[in-house]
Amino acid sequence: MIMKNPVPRLDERFSDPDARPVPWATAAEVLESAQLFWITTVRSDGRPHVTPLVGVWLGEELHFTTGREEQKALNLSGNPRVAMITGCNRWDEGLDVVVEGVAERVTAHTDLERLAIAWAAKWDGQWQFQAIDGGFTHADGGEALVFAVRASKILAFGKGTFCQTRYVPAD
């Protein structure tokens, strides 16, 4: 499901009495501007695997890359469910955003070209990819698989005034 303009719902069980739900525009800005995400995948024996990576929020989906032989790629071949988290490691300020969903390979050349441009733009050219059949290549000659996560669940955790917001699809 693509969540276009999702509606924020405050979970009062985990929020301060005077808390308000985090507007979607605020959570979306965190996703768009984040330099680092933490991804959780599941190994074949059920153990979690967590690692940092860079990502791009584009077209209401969160995108990331991985090498074909990296642990997360191996995990995704057996279980495509992921959680990706970004935010601030402070207790008293900031906003953490969690995106849960299924990671699907991006292989369409036009989508890969669009994503390569987005990666370069987000990091002022520090991440340069070229679209190739089925993924990306980069300057050092390495290849990467590209994945899109279409959110099935998005949560935002506000700190300072503590609040937990869940975003639900607009009717």
C-alpha atoms as a PDB file:
ATOM      1  CA  MET A   1       0.000   0.000   0.000  1.00  0.00           C
ATOM      2  CA  ILE A   2       1.288   3.484  -0.777  1.00  0.00           C
ATOM      3  CA  MET A   3       0.440   5.970   1.939  1.00  0.00           C
ATOM      4  CA  LYS A   4      -0.209   9.276   0.233  1.00  0.00           C
ATOM      5  CA  ASN A   5      -0.908  12.010   2.776  1.00  0.00           C
ATOM      6  CA  PRO A   6      -1.471   9.586   5.661  1.00  0.00           C
ATOM      7  CA  VAL A   7      -3.493  10.689   8.645  1.00  0.00           C
ATOM      8  CA  PRO A   8      -1.635  10.900  11.991  1.00  0.00           C
ATOM      9  CA  ARG A   9      -3.199   9.118  14.979  1.00  0.00           C
ATOM     10  CA  LEU A  10      -1.836   9.699  18.480  1.00  0.00           C
ATOM     11  CA  ASP A  11      -1.458   6.594  20.651  1.00  0.00           C
ATOM     12  CA  GLU A  12      -2.349   8.045  24.031  1.00  0.00           C
ATOM     13  CA  ARG A  13      -1.051   4.950  25.856  1.00  0.00           C
ATOM     14  CA  PHE A  14       2.519   5.940  25.001  1.00  0.00           C
ATOM     15  CA  SER A  15       2.184   9.726  24.912  1.00  0.00           C
ATOM     16  CA  ASP A  16       2.300  12.553  27.433  1.00  0.00           C
ATOM     17  CA  PRO A  17      -1.122  13.918  28.402  1.00  0.00           C
ATOM     18  CA  ASP A  18      -0.526  17.190  26.508  1.00  0.00           C
ATOM     19  CA  ALA A  19       1.009  15.534  23.412  1.00  0.00           C
ATOM     20  CA  ARG A  20      -0.275  16.072  19.902  1.00  0.00           C
ATOM     21  CA  PRO A  21       0.225  13.721  16.955  1.00  0.00           C
ATOM     22  CA  VAL A  22       3.223  14.503  14.765  1.00  0.00           C
ATOM     23  CA  PRO A  23       1.993  15.949  11.442  1.00  0.00           C
ATOM     24  CA  TRP A  24       2.787  13.779   8.424  1.00  0.00           C
ATOM     25  CA  ALA A  25       4.773  16.612   6.821  1.00  0.00           C
ATOM     26  CA  THR A  26       7.150  16.581   9.808  1.00  0.00           C
ATOM     27  CA  ALA A  27       7.683  12.804   9.674  1.00  0.00           C
ATOM     28  CA  ALA A  28       8.104  12.915   5.887  1.00  0.00           C
ATOM     29  CA  GLU A  29      10.779  15.619   6.254  1.00  0.00           C
ATOM     30  CA  VAL A  30      12.700  13.370   8.653  1.00  0.00           C
ATOM     31  CA  LEU A  31      12.530  10.528   6.102  1.00  0.00           C
ATOM     32  CA  GLU A  32      13.574  12.785   3.220  1.00  0.00           C
ATOM     33  CA  SER A  33      16.497  14.446   4.999  1.00  0.00           C
ATOM     34  CA  ALA A  34      17.924  11.518   6.993  1.00  0.00           C
ATOM     35  CA  GLN A  35      21.542  10.747   6.237  1.00  0.00           C
ATOM     36  CA  LEU A  36      21.422   7.371   7.955  1.00  0.00           C
ATOM     37  CA  PHE A  37      18.871   4.642   8.509  1.00  0.00           C
ATOM     38  CA  TRP A  38      19.116   1.415  10.500  1.00  0.00           C
ATOM     39  CA  ILE A  39      17.637  -1.599   8.731  1.00  0.00           C
ATOM     40  CA  THR A  40      16.531  -4.800  10.408  1.00  0.00           C
ATOM     41  CA  THR A  41      16.262  -7.967   8.330  1.00  0.00           C
ATOM     42  CA  VAL A  42      15.740 -11.554   9.494  1.00  0.00           C
ATOM     43  CA  ARG A  43      18.260 -14.357   8.985  1.00  0.00           C
ATOM     44  CA  SER A  44      17.137 -17.818   7.853  1.00  0.00           C
ATOM     45  CA  ASP A  45      17.418 -19.082  11.450  1.00  0.00           C
ATOM     46  CA  GLY A  46      15.157 -16.268  12.719  1.00  0.00           C
ATOM     47  CA  ARG A  47      17.868 -14.092  14.256  1.00  0.00           C
ATOM     48  CA  PRO A  48      17.643 -10.371  13.487  1.00  0.00           C
ATOM     49  CA  HIS A  49      20.356  -8.597  11.520  1.00  0.00           C
ATOM     50  CA  VAL A  50      20.663  -4.832  12.042  1.00  0.00           C
ATOM     51  CA  THR A  51      22.971  -2.547  10.094  1.00  0.00           C
ATOM     52  CA  PRO A  52      23.222   1.147   9.173  1.00  0.00           C
ATOM     53  CA  LEU A  53      22.800   2.285   5.585  1.00  0.00           C
ATOM     54  CA  VAL A  54      21.942   5.296   3.482  1.00  0.00           C
ATOM     55  CA  GLY A  55      18.533   5.524   1.917  1.00  0.00           C
ATOM     56  CA  VAL A  56      16.289   7.710  -0.184  1.00  0.00           C
ATOM     57  CA  TRP A  57      12.624   8.459   0.498  1.00  0.00           C
ATOM     58  CA  LEU A  58      11.096   8.970  -2.950  1.00  0.00           C
ATOM     59  CA  GLY A  59       7.638   8.359  -4.374  1.00  0.00           C
ATOM     60  CA  GLU A  60       6.217   7.424  -0.965  1.00  0.00           C
ATOM     61  CA  GLU A  61       8.732   4.576  -0.659  1.00  0.00           C
ATOM     62  CA  LEU A  62      12.013   4.143   1.177  1.00  0.00           C
ATOM     63  CA  HIS A  63      14.870   2.905  -1.040  1.00  0.00           C
ATOM     64  CA  PHE A  64      18.206   1.348  -0.174  1.00  0.00           C
ATOM     65  CA  THR A  65      21.044  -0.577  -1.802  1.00  0.00           C
ATOM     66  CA  THR A  66      23.057  -3.628  -0.840  1.00  0.00           C
ATOM     67  CA  GLY A  67      25.664  -5.866  -2.358  1.00  0.00           C
ATOM     68  CA  ARG A  68      24.444  -9.217  -3.683  1.00  0.00           C
ATOM     69  CA  GLU A  69      26.536 -11.147  -1.108  1.00  0.00           C
ATOM     70  CA  GLU A  70      25.871  -8.903   1.901  1.00  0.00           C
ATOM     71  CA  GLN A  71      23.994 -10.406   4.843  1.00  0.00           C
ATOM     72  CA  LYS A  72      20.932  -8.225   4.323  1.00  0.00           C
ATOM     73  CA  ALA A  73      20.635  -9.315   0.673  1.00  0.00           C
ATOM     74  CA  LEU A  74      20.893 -12.957   1.709  1.00  0.00           C
ATOM     75  CA  ASN A  75      18.262 -12.400   4.403  1.00  0.00           C
ATOM     76  CA  LEU A  76      15.904 -10.629   1.999  1.00  0.00           C
ATOM     77  CA  SER A  77      15.996 -13.551  -0.425  1.00  0.00           C
ATOM     78  CA  GLY A  78      14.262 -15.665   2.235  1.00  0.00           C
ATOM     79  CA  ASN A  79      12.212 -13.065   4.101  1.00  0.00           C
ATOM     80  CA  PRO A  80      11.553  -9.649   2.534  1.00  0.00           C
ATOM     81  CA  ARG A  81      10.082  -8.064   5.678  1.00  0.00           C
ATOM     82  CA  VAL A  82      12.108  -5.155   7.068  1.00  0.00           C
ATOM     83  CA  ALA A  83      12.012  -2.347   9.576  1.00  0.00           C
ATOM     84  CA  MET A  84      13.947   0.842   8.828  1.00  0.00           C
ATOM     85  CA  ILE A  85      14.543   3.456  11.493  1.00  0.00           C
ATOM     86  CA  THR A  86      15.969   6.951  11.462  1.00  0.00           C
ATOM     87  CA  GLY A  87      16.009   9.829  13.864  1.00  0.00           C
ATOM     88  CA  CYS A  88      17.955  11.141  16.796  1.00  0.00           C
ATOM     89  CA  ASN A  89      19.777   9.202  19.510  1.00  0.00           C
ATOM     90  CA  ARG A  90      18.733  11.689  22.195  1.00  0.00           C
ATOM     91  CA  TRP A  91      16.156  10.978  24.879  1.00  0.00           C
ATOM     92  CA  ASP A  92      14.920  14.518  25.466  1.00  0.00           C
ATOM     93  CA  GLU A  93      14.613  15.925  21.940  1.00  0.00           C
ATOM     94  CA  GLY A  94      14.142  14.939  18.334  1.00  0.00           C
ATOM     95  CA  LEU A  95      11.934  12.612  16.360  1.00  0.00           C
ATOM     96  CA  ASP A  96      12.466   8.957  15.474  1.00  0.00           C
ATOM     97  CA  VAL A  97      10.578   7.463  12.521  1.00  0.00           C
ATOM     98  CA  VAL A  98      10.074   3.745  11.886  1.00  0.00           C
ATOM     99  CA  VAL A  99       8.992   2.334   8.523  1.00  0.00           C
ATOM    100  CA  GLU A 100       7.919  -1.314   8.386  1.00  0.00           C
ATOM    101  CA  GLY A 101       7.164  -3.108   5.152  1.00  0.00           C
ATOM    102  CA  VAL A 102       8.306  -5.527   2.487  1.00  0.00           C
ATOM    103  CA  ALA A 103      11.499  -4.856   0.538  1.00  0.00           C
ATOM    104  CA  GLU A 104      11.051  -5.440  -3.198  1.00  0.00           C
ATOM    105  CA  ARG A 105      13.824  -5.329  -5.801  1.00  0.00           C
ATOM    106  CA  VAL A 106      13.783  -2.357  -8.139  1.00  0.00           C
ATOM    107  CA  THR A 107      14.829  -3.535 -11.603  1.00  0.00           C
ATOM    108  CA  ALA A 108      13.066  -1.252 -14.088  1.00  0.00           C
ATOM    109  CA  HIS A 109      15.751   0.837 -15.782  1.00  0.00           C
ATOM    110  CA  THR A 110      13.715   4.069 -15.702  1.00  0.00           C
ATOM    111  CA  ASP A 111      13.125   3.660 -11.943  1.00  0.00           C
ATOM    112  CA  LEU A 112      16.817   2.949 -11.359  1.00  0.00           C
ATOM    113  CA  GLU A 113      17.814   6.054 -13.340  1.00  0.00           C
ATOM    114  CA  ARG A 114      15.400   8.182 -11.317  1.00  0.00           C
ATOM    115  CA  LEU A 115      16.798   6.746  -8.068  1.00  0.00           C
ATOM    116  CA  ALA A 116      20.431   7.276  -9.122  1.00  0.00           C
ATOM    117  CA  ILE A 117      19.623  10.956  -9.671  1.00  0.00           C
ATOM    118  CA  ALA A 118      17.912  11.129  -6.271  1.00  0.00           C
ATOM    119  CA  TRP A 119      20.934   9.586  -4.489  1.00  0.00           C
ATOM    120  CA  ALA A 120      23.333  12.026  -6.153  1.00  0.00           C
ATOM    121  CA  ALA A 121      21.112  15.014  -5.362  1.00  0.00           C
ATOM    122  CA  LYS A 122      20.590  14.071  -1.727  1.00  0.00           C
ATOM    123  CA  TRP A 123      24.316  13.837  -0.988  1.00  0.00           C
ATOM    124  CA  ASP A 124      25.598  16.572  -3.319  1.00  0.00           C
ATOM    125  CA  GLY A 125      27.165  13.995  -5.612  1.00  0.00           C
ATOM    126  CA  GLN A 126      28.900  11.932  -2.902  1.00  0.00           C
ATOM    127  CA  TRP A 127      26.842   8.851  -3.843  1.00  0.00           C
ATOM    128  CA  GLN A 128      27.178   8.363  -7.598  1.00  0.00           C
ATOM    129  CA  PHE A 129      25.379   5.402  -9.126  1.00  0.00           C
ATOM    130  CA  GLN A 130      24.748   4.368 -12.702  1.00  0.00           C
ATOM    131  CA  ALA A 131      21.674   2.336 -13.581  1.00  0.00           C
ATOM    132  CA  ILE A 132      22.495  -1.047 -15.105  1.00  0.00           C
ATOM    133  CA  ASP A 133      20.402  -4.140 -15.771  1.00  0.00           C
ATOM    134  CA  GLY A 134      18.869  -5.051 -12.422  1.00  0.00           C
ATOM    135  CA  GLY A 135      20.607  -2.530 -10.183  1.00  0.00           C
ATOM    136  CA  PHE A 136      23.367   0.036  -9.776  1.00  0.00           C
ATOM    137  CA  THR A 137      27.066   0.208 -10.423  1.00  0.00           C
ATOM    138  CA  HIS A 138      29.357   2.778  -8.843  1.00  0.00           C
ATOM    139  CA  ALA A 139      32.721   4.359  -9.577  1.00  0.00           C
ATOM    140  CA  ASP A 140      34.786   1.592  -7.996  1.00  0.00           C
ATOM    141  CA  GLY A 141      33.123  -0.928 -10.325  1.00  0.00           C
ATOM    142  CA  GLY A 142      31.041  -2.554  -7.621  1.00  0.00           C
ATOM    143  CA  GLU A 143      27.430  -3.454  -8.214  1.00  0.00           C
ATOM    144  CA  ALA A 144      24.475  -3.032  -5.886  1.00  0.00           C
ATOM    145  CA  LEU A 145      20.954  -4.361  -5.717  1.00  0.00           C
ATOM    146  CA  VAL A 146      18.294  -1.699  -5.188  1.00  0.00           C
ATOM    147  CA  PHE A 147      15.232  -2.217  -3.015  1.00  0.00           C
ATOM    148  CA  ALA A 148      12.051  -0.253  -2.342  1.00  0.00           C
ATOM    149  CA  VAL A 149      10.093  -0.541   0.892  1.00  0.00           C
ATOM    150  CA  ARG A 150       6.434   0.295   0.549  1.00  0.00           C
ATOM    151  CA  ALA A 151       5.325   1.029   4.097  1.00  0.00           C
ATOM    152  CA  SER A 152       2.749  -1.175   5.761  1.00  0.00           C
ATOM    153  CA  LYS A 153       3.262   0.711   9.026  1.00  0.00           C
ATOM    154  CA  ILE A 154       4.876   4.057   9.884  1.00  0.00           C
ATOM    155  CA  LEU A 155       5.405   5.273  13.438  1.00  0.00           C
ATOM    156  CA  ALA A 156       6.917   8.491  14.774  1.00  0.00           C
ATOM    157  CA  PHE A 157       8.240   8.850  18.303  1.00  0.00           C
ATOM    158  CA  GLY A 158       8.504  12.431  19.545  1.00  0.00           C
ATOM    159  CA  LYS A 159      10.773  13.175  22.490  1.00  0.00           C
ATOM    160  CA  GLY A 160      10.786  15.955  25.045  1.00  0.00           C
ATOM    161  CA  THR A 161       7.007  15.980  24.983  1.00  0.00           C
ATOM    162  CA  PHE A 162       6.730  12.251  24.417  1.00  0.00           C
ATOM    163  CA  CYS A 163       4.293  11.080  21.799  1.00  0.00           C
ATOM    164  CA  GLN A 164       3.762   8.060  19.618  1.00  0.00           C
ATOM    165  CA  THR A 165       2.063   8.692  16.292  1.00  0.00           C
ATOM    166  CA  ARG A 166       0.890   6.058  13.851  1.00  0.00           C
ATOM    167  CA  TYR A 167       0.097   7.059  10.288  1.00  0.00           C
ATOM    168  CA  VAL A 168      -2.915   5.488   8.628  1.00  0.00           C
ATOM    169  CA  PRO A 169      -3.938   5.731   4.991  1.00  0.00           C
ATOM    170  CA  ALA A 170      -6.318   8.588   4.176  1.00  0.00           C
ATOM    171  CA  ASP A 171      -9.814   7.374   3.306  1.00  0.00           C
END
